[in-house]
Protein backbone atom coordinates (compact mmCIF):
# COMPACT_ATOMS: atom_id res chain seq x y z
CA UNK A 1 10.80 70.10 -147.05
CA UNK A 2 11.46 66.72 -145.53
CA UNK A 3 9.29 63.49 -146.06
CA UNK A 4 12.05 62.76 -148.80
CA UNK A 5 14.04 65.75 -148.17
CA UNK A 6 15.33 67.59 -145.09
CA UNK A 7 16.00 71.11 -143.72
CA UNK A 8 18.28 72.26 -141.11
CA UNK A 9 21.49 74.45 -140.30
CA UNK A 10 24.37 75.52 -138.31
CA UNK A 11 28.12 76.67 -138.87
CA UNK A 12 31.56 77.72 -137.44
CA UNK A 13 35.01 79.16 -138.11
CA UNK A 14 38.80 79.44 -137.92
CA UNK A 15 39.81 77.52 -134.71
CA UNK A 16 39.62 73.67 -135.36
CA UNK A 17 38.07 71.17 -132.98
CA UNK A 18 40.14 68.22 -131.86
CA UNK A 19 38.25 64.97 -131.93
CA UNK A 20 36.82 64.20 -128.45
CA UNK A 21 38.01 61.21 -126.43
CA UNK A 22 35.20 58.77 -125.63
CA UNK A 23 36.59 58.22 -122.21
CA UNK A 24 36.87 62.02 -121.36
CA UNK A 25 33.36 62.82 -120.60
CA UNK A 26 29.73 62.05 -121.83
CA UNK A 27 27.56 63.27 -124.69
CA UNK A 28 27.07 66.69 -122.96
CA UNK A 29 30.68 67.43 -123.23
CA UNK A 30 30.96 66.58 -126.86
CA UNK A 31 27.74 68.41 -127.66
CA UNK A 32 29.28 71.52 -126.07
CA UNK A 33 32.50 71.36 -128.15
CA UNK A 34 30.71 70.72 -131.54
CA UNK A 35 27.68 72.81 -131.31
CA UNK A 36 29.56 76.09 -132.13
CA UNK A 37 30.34 74.54 -135.60
CA UNK A 38 26.84 74.12 -136.58
CA UNK A 39 24.77 76.98 -138.33
CA UNK A 40 21.09 77.61 -139.18
CA UNK A 41 20.58 78.12 -142.89
CA UNK A 42 17.86 80.77 -143.52
CA UNK A 43 16.94 80.52 -147.32
CA UNK A 44 14.69 83.02 -149.28
CA UNK A 45 12.90 81.82 -152.36
CA UNK A 46 10.65 83.31 -154.99
CA UNK A 47 7.21 81.87 -155.90
CA UNK A 48 4.96 82.93 -158.78
CA UNK A 49 1.24 82.29 -158.91
CA UNK A 50 -1.15 83.45 -161.46
CA UNK A 51 -4.87 84.21 -161.32
CA UNK A 52 -7.36 86.15 -163.33
CA UNK A 53 -5.77 89.47 -162.07
CA UNK A 54 -2.26 88.66 -163.17
CA UNK A 55 0.91 87.08 -161.82
CA UNK A 56 1.96 87.51 -158.04
CA UNK A 57 5.35 87.18 -156.78
CA UNK A 58 5.91 86.25 -153.09
CA UNK A 59 9.14 85.35 -151.04
CA UNK A 60 9.22 82.27 -148.77
CA UNK A 61 11.61 81.69 -146.12
CA UNK A 62 12.83 78.03 -145.27
CA UNK A 63 15.05 76.81 -142.50
CA UNK A 64 17.81 74.18 -142.80
CA UNK A 65 21.11 73.26 -141.03
CA UNK A 66 24.80 73.14 -142.01
CA UNK A 67 28.22 72.71 -140.44
CA UNK A 68 31.47 74.70 -140.82
CA UNK A 69 34.27 72.42 -142.02
CA UNK A 70 37.10 74.92 -143.07
CA UNK A 71 38.39 77.96 -141.41
CA UNK A 72 38.08 79.90 -144.57
CA UNK A 73 34.29 79.93 -144.34
CA UNK A 74 33.38 76.79 -146.10
CA UNK A 75 29.91 75.22 -144.85
CA UNK A 76 28.53 72.05 -145.84
CA UNK A 77 24.68 71.58 -146.21
CA UNK A 78 22.19 69.59 -148.22
CA UNK A 79 21.74 70.66 -151.93
CA UNK A 80 17.88 70.77 -151.57
CA UNK A 81 18.12 73.25 -148.76
CA UNK A 82 19.83 75.86 -150.96
CA UNK A 83 19.36 75.06 -154.75
CA UNK A 84 16.35 77.42 -155.10
CA UNK A 85 17.76 80.08 -152.90
CA UNK A 86 17.55 83.75 -154.03
CA UNK A 87 19.41 84.55 -150.73
CA UNK A 88 21.13 82.55 -148.23
CA UNK A 89 21.66 83.67 -144.64
CA UNK A 90 23.60 81.80 -141.91
CA UNK A 91 22.76 82.18 -138.16
CA UNK A 92 25.56 81.16 -135.94
CA UNK A 93 25.41 79.89 -132.37
CA UNK A 94 26.79 83.01 -130.87
CA UNK A 95 24.21 85.12 -132.66
CA UNK A 96 26.40 86.28 -135.59
CA UNK A 97 24.71 86.48 -139.07
CA UNK A 98 26.04 86.66 -142.46
CA UNK A 99 25.06 85.85 -146.08
CA UNK A 100 26.61 83.02 -148.07
CA UNK A 101 26.95 81.74 -151.78
CA UNK A 102 27.00 78.36 -153.42
CA UNK A 103 30.32 77.12 -154.30
CA UNK A 104 29.66 73.52 -155.66
CA UNK A 105 26.52 71.62 -155.60
CA UNK A 106 25.42 68.08 -156.37
CA UNK A 107 21.54 67.32 -156.72
CA UNK A 108 22.15 63.53 -157.12
CA UNK A 109 24.18 63.38 -153.97
CA UNK A 110 22.26 66.05 -152.14
CA UNK A 111 25.09 67.96 -150.89
CA UNK A 112 26.17 71.71 -151.32
CA UNK A 113 29.38 73.65 -150.36
CA UNK A 114 28.68 77.24 -149.13
CA UNK A 115 31.23 80.25 -148.66
CA UNK A 116 30.34 82.58 -145.91
CA UNK A 117 30.98 86.11 -146.37
CA UNK A 118 32.37 86.32 -142.97
CA UNK A 119 32.68 84.05 -139.90
CA UNK A 120 32.34 85.01 -136.11
CA UNK A 121 35.66 86.06 -134.34
CA UNK A 122 35.84 82.83 -132.28
CA UNK A 123 34.28 80.55 -134.97
CA UNK A 124 35.02 76.76 -134.51
CA UNK A 125 35.63 74.38 -137.36
CA UNK A 126 34.23 70.82 -137.30
CA UNK A 127 36.41 67.69 -137.94
CA UNK A 128 35.23 65.60 -140.95
CA UNK A 129 35.56 61.89 -139.85
CA UNK A 130 35.69 58.67 -141.70
CA UNK A 131 32.23 57.31 -142.53
CA UNK A 132 33.88 54.26 -143.91
CA UNK A 133 34.77 53.14 -140.47
CA UNK A 134 31.10 53.34 -139.28
CA UNK A 135 29.56 50.04 -138.03
CA UNK A 136 25.99 49.20 -137.45
CA UNK A 137 25.09 49.77 -133.87
CA UNK A 138 27.65 52.69 -133.36
CA UNK A 139 26.14 55.87 -131.40
CA UNK A 140 25.47 58.81 -133.54
CA UNK A 141 23.95 62.29 -132.75
CA UNK A 142 22.63 65.17 -134.70
CA UNK A 143 22.56 68.79 -134.21
CA UNK A 144 20.06 70.99 -136.34
CA UNK A 145 17.18 73.15 -136.21
CA UNK A 146 13.95 70.99 -136.39
CA UNK A 147 10.83 73.09 -137.09
CA UNK A 148 13.03 76.19 -136.25
CA UNK A 149 14.27 74.97 -132.88
CA UNK A 150 17.86 75.74 -133.20
CA UNK A 151 20.85 73.77 -131.83
CA UNK A 152 18.65 70.89 -130.93
CA UNK A 153 20.45 67.56 -130.20
CA UNK A 154 19.00 64.06 -131.04
CA UNK A 155 20.76 60.80 -130.65
CA UNK A 156 20.67 57.20 -132.03
CA UNK A 157 22.77 54.67 -133.67
CA UNK A 158 23.92 53.55 -137.18
CA UNK A 159 20.78 51.33 -138.31
CA UNK A 160 22.51 50.27 -141.62
CA UNK A 161 25.02 51.25 -144.32
CA UNK A 162 23.06 51.37 -147.61
CA UNK A 163 24.43 51.42 -151.18
CA UNK A 164 21.99 52.52 -153.84
CA UNK A 165 22.54 50.22 -157.04
CA UNK A 166 20.72 52.67 -159.37
CA UNK A 167 22.82 55.69 -159.58
CA UNK A 168 21.24 59.03 -160.62
CA UNK A 169 17.97 59.35 -158.74
CA UNK A 170 19.40 59.47 -155.23
CA UNK A 171 22.68 59.50 -153.38
CA UNK A 172 24.90 56.49 -154.10
CA UNK A 173 25.80 55.85 -150.35
CA UNK A 174 23.62 56.46 -147.29
CA UNK A 175 23.97 56.24 -143.48
CA UNK A 176 20.44 54.92 -142.29
CA UNK A 177 19.97 55.89 -138.71
CA UNK A 178 17.28 56.17 -136.05
CA UNK A 179 18.60 59.51 -134.89
CA UNK A 180 15.55 61.60 -134.90
CA UNK A 181 15.53 64.13 -138.00
CA UNK A 182 12.76 66.52 -138.69
CA UNK A 183 11.98 69.59 -141.00
CA UNK A 184 14.79 72.00 -140.35
CA UNK A 185 17.43 69.22 -139.76
CA UNK A 186 18.29 68.97 -143.57
CA UNK A 187 21.82 69.64 -144.24
CA UNK A 188 22.77 69.46 -140.58
CA UNK A 189 25.62 67.28 -139.39
CA UNK A 190 25.57 63.71 -138.06
CA UNK A 191 28.33 63.28 -135.49
CA UNK A 192 30.03 60.15 -134.04
CA UNK A 193 30.90 59.80 -130.50
CA UNK A 194 34.30 61.61 -130.98
CA UNK A 195 32.35 64.77 -132.30
CA UNK A 196 33.51 64.01 -135.96
CA UNK A 197 31.01 64.71 -138.91
CA UNK A 198 30.27 61.48 -140.60
CA UNK A 199 27.20 62.43 -142.35
CA UNK A 200 24.88 65.33 -143.63
CA UNK A 201 21.11 64.85 -143.17
CA UNK A 202 19.45 64.38 -146.25
CA UNK A 203 15.90 62.76 -146.15
CA UNK A 204 13.52 60.35 -144.20
CA UNK A 205 10.98 57.86 -145.13
CA UNK A 206 7.62 58.83 -143.48
CA UNK A 207 4.09 58.64 -144.19
CA UNK A 208 3.37 61.55 -141.93
CA UNK A 209 6.39 63.99 -142.74
CA UNK A 210 7.74 63.42 -139.14
CA UNK A 211 10.59 61.33 -137.94
CA UNK A 212 9.60 57.41 -137.44
CA UNK A 213 13.18 56.17 -137.31
CA UNK A 214 13.85 55.71 -140.91
CA UNK A 215 16.29 58.58 -141.54
CA UNK A 216 19.20 58.88 -144.01
CA UNK A 217 22.34 60.99 -144.10
CA UNK A 218 25.06 61.35 -146.94
CA UNK A 219 28.27 59.92 -145.53
CA UNK A 220 31.37 62.02 -144.96
CA UNK A 221 33.45 60.06 -147.59
CA UNK A 222 30.96 61.40 -150.19
CA UNK A 223 31.45 65.00 -148.77
CA UNK A 224 35.22 64.58 -149.23
CA UNK A 225 35.05 63.31 -152.71
CA UNK A 226 32.25 65.35 -154.15
CA UNK A 227 32.62 68.65 -152.65
CA UNK A 228 36.47 68.86 -152.28
CA UNK A 229 38.51 66.31 -154.14
CA UNK A 230 36.24 66.21 -157.05
CA UNK A 231 34.46 69.52 -156.84
CA UNK A 232 32.72 70.82 -159.84
CA UNK A 233 32.26 74.55 -160.46
CA UNK A 234 28.81 75.80 -159.76
CA UNK A 235 27.22 77.52 -162.79
CA UNK A 236 23.72 77.86 -161.42
CA UNK A 237 22.34 74.68 -162.54
CA UNK A 238 21.23 71.54 -160.71
CA UNK A 239 21.45 68.31 -162.51
CA UNK A 240 20.47 64.72 -162.15
CA UNK A 241 22.00 61.76 -163.87
CA UNK A 242 19.59 59.67 -165.77
CA UNK A 243 20.74 56.08 -166.12
CA UNK A 244 19.68 54.08 -169.13
CA UNK A 245 16.74 52.13 -167.32
CA UNK A 246 15.08 55.44 -166.54
CA UNK A 247 15.81 57.04 -169.84
CA UNK A 248 13.98 54.09 -171.37
CA UNK A 249 10.87 55.07 -169.25
CA UNK A 250 10.64 58.45 -171.18
CA UNK A 251 11.82 57.04 -174.62
CA UNK A 252 14.96 58.87 -174.50
CA UNK A 253 17.30 56.97 -176.89
CA UNK A 254 20.51 57.36 -174.81
CA UNK A 255 22.43 55.03 -172.53
CA UNK A 256 22.65 57.77 -169.98
CA UNK A 257 22.23 61.67 -169.76
CA UNK A 258 22.03 64.64 -167.33
CA UNK A 259 18.62 66.21 -166.86
CA UNK A 260 18.57 69.95 -166.14
CA UNK A 261 16.08 70.24 -163.21
CA UNK A 262 16.83 73.96 -162.14
CA UNK A 263 18.56 76.82 -163.59
CA UNK A 264 19.14 79.92 -161.27
CA UNK A 265 18.08 83.20 -162.39
CA UNK A 266 21.06 85.59 -163.43
CA UNK A 267 23.52 82.55 -163.29
CA UNK A 268 26.19 81.65 -166.08
CA UNK A 269 23.99 78.74 -166.99
CA UNK A 270 20.70 81.03 -167.43
CA UNK A 271 22.51 83.66 -169.30
CA UNK A 272 23.99 80.97 -171.62
CA UNK A 273 20.39 79.75 -172.17
CA UNK A 274 20.31 76.28 -170.36
CA UNK A 275 16.50 75.60 -169.61
CA UNK A 276 15.25 73.93 -166.41
CA UNK A 277 12.47 71.75 -165.69
CA UNK A 278 8.66 72.87 -165.16
CA UNK A 279 6.89 69.90 -164.29
CA UNK A 280 7.16 68.46 -160.97
CA UNK A 281 6.94 64.53 -161.14
CA UNK A 282 8.04 61.28 -159.34
CA UNK A 283 10.19 58.66 -160.72
CA UNK A 284 10.81 55.41 -158.61
CA UNK A 285 9.72 57.25 -155.53
CA UNK A 286 12.19 60.30 -156.14
CA UNK A 287 10.78 63.80 -156.83
CA UNK A 288 12.20 64.88 -160.24
CA UNK A 289 11.36 68.08 -162.20
CA UNK A 290 10.81 67.37 -165.99
CA UNK A 291 10.74 69.49 -169.05
CA UNK A 292 14.35 70.83 -168.79
CA UNK A 293 17.25 70.31 -171.32
CA UNK A 294 18.50 66.79 -171.62
CA UNK A 295 22.29 66.91 -171.70
CA UNK A 296 23.74 64.21 -174.02
CA UNK A 297 27.43 65.21 -173.93
CA UNK A 298 29.80 67.72 -172.34
CA UNK A 299 32.80 69.08 -174.27
CA UNK A 300 32.61 65.85 -176.56
CA UNK A 301 32.52 63.35 -173.54
CA UNK A 302 29.32 61.28 -173.57
CA UNK A 303 27.02 61.85 -170.51
CA UNK A 304 26.76 58.19 -170.14
CA UNK A 305 29.85 58.02 -167.77
CA UNK A 306 29.57 60.75 -165.03
CA UNK A 307 33.09 60.07 -163.83
CA UNK A 308 34.74 60.88 -167.17
CA UNK A 309 32.51 63.97 -167.52
CA UNK A 310 33.66 65.06 -163.97
CA UNK A 311 37.32 64.47 -164.76
CA UNK A 312 37.08 66.49 -167.94
CA UNK A 313 35.39 69.58 -166.10
CA UNK A 314 37.93 69.43 -163.28
CA UNK A 315 40.49 70.06 -165.88
CA UNK A 316 39.05 73.22 -167.08
CA UNK A 317 40.05 76.55 -165.74
CA UNK A 318 37.94 79.76 -164.75
CA UNK A 319 36.75 81.38 -167.96
CA UNK A 320 37.11 78.34 -170.32
CA UNK A 321 33.93 77.05 -171.89
CA UNK A 322 31.71 74.19 -170.96
CA UNK A 323 30.09 72.93 -174.32
CA UNK A 324 26.81 71.03 -173.79
CA UNK A 325 25.09 69.01 -176.50
CA UNK A 326 21.44 68.99 -175.39
CA UNK A 327 18.21 67.75 -176.37
CA UNK A 328 15.30 70.28 -176.10
CA UNK A 329 11.80 69.51 -177.11
CA UNK A 330 13.16 66.68 -179.13
CA UNK A 331 15.52 68.86 -180.95
CA UNK A 332 19.37 68.77 -180.61
CA UNK A 333 21.28 72.15 -180.01
CA UNK A 334 24.42 73.30 -178.44
CA UNK A 335 24.91 75.61 -175.26
CA UNK A 336 28.17 77.14 -174.08
CA UNK A 337 28.60 78.18 -170.55
CA UNK A 338 31.81 79.80 -169.16
CA UNK A 339 33.27 78.50 -165.93
CA UNK A 340 32.86 81.38 -163.18
CA UNK A 341 36.13 83.28 -162.45
CA UNK A 342 37.86 82.50 -159.23
CA UNK A 343 36.42 79.10 -158.70
CA UNK A 344 38.47 76.96 -156.09
CA UNK A 345 37.99 74.95 -152.94
CA UNK A 346 40.32 74.26 -150.35
CA UNK A 347 41.85 70.91 -149.31
CA UNK A 348 40.37 69.00 -146.28
CA UNK A 349 42.75 67.63 -143.74
CA UNK A 350 43.22 63.91 -144.23
CA UNK A 351 41.53 61.84 -141.46
């Protein structure tokens, strides 16, 4: 899962890492300090195929990466690593294994926050750095599990700092790097020379599926804002914001909307009746699953402004209802989904 998506993992726990001083040793020392914060993410997914004898269900295992960013067991990874997961298992550097669940997820920003059921006794927490301070040419390194080779280090530099002017189809801000990223690196941390997390591996541009030096990570500023400061409760649905110009391609008469791409079995969204997509497609070079509900408004707030929708959702409390106005098969309808009980995320220390 990586030509336009990545997969990789690692994690840590309660003790916190102090930023390494660049003058106090080389990359080998920094690697030794931060490697315990990285986890390998093993994801089990269901697949269904049909033939003349009937339907066949099979389980597949995928590998990604992640990083422990809070002592209470909160791990950051890429959304595409875990959004289809039936089960999530974390493998720590010391051999400790535990399951995890999704707390909040953004398909558009390709970020997910997991909560581990347990952490190793001597788990180590990574420092989330300031991606706004990154400069082109600055040295970076990644730790992940490319092709299942866990705790692999690759190094390079910041190639460019990109801003996507067409929000909705892919992350708004990206760190472009020549740090080698391959299948299994997805969701893994990108560190600066101090050993601070400044990005999460998201996708590569490649004709072959292997790294050719055009690799992209979601910056840590987005991690802070989307997964912590502006975290939205996870109801088991993966959404993608559809801006006006893309809506026009499909003759959708809206200035903007949210497309429901995936609904997790047994989730609050599935129980409430939201429908996910069924047809894999490509729009402007991005893989999109079409055929699902199109959300027009949320609790009366038009979907044309995602920031207003997010602010409204963050004001709701566990147990309160999210009321969606949706378009399904050309017909308008309403769907109500309760916010799961106990939803909360911690504060990250300010950098």
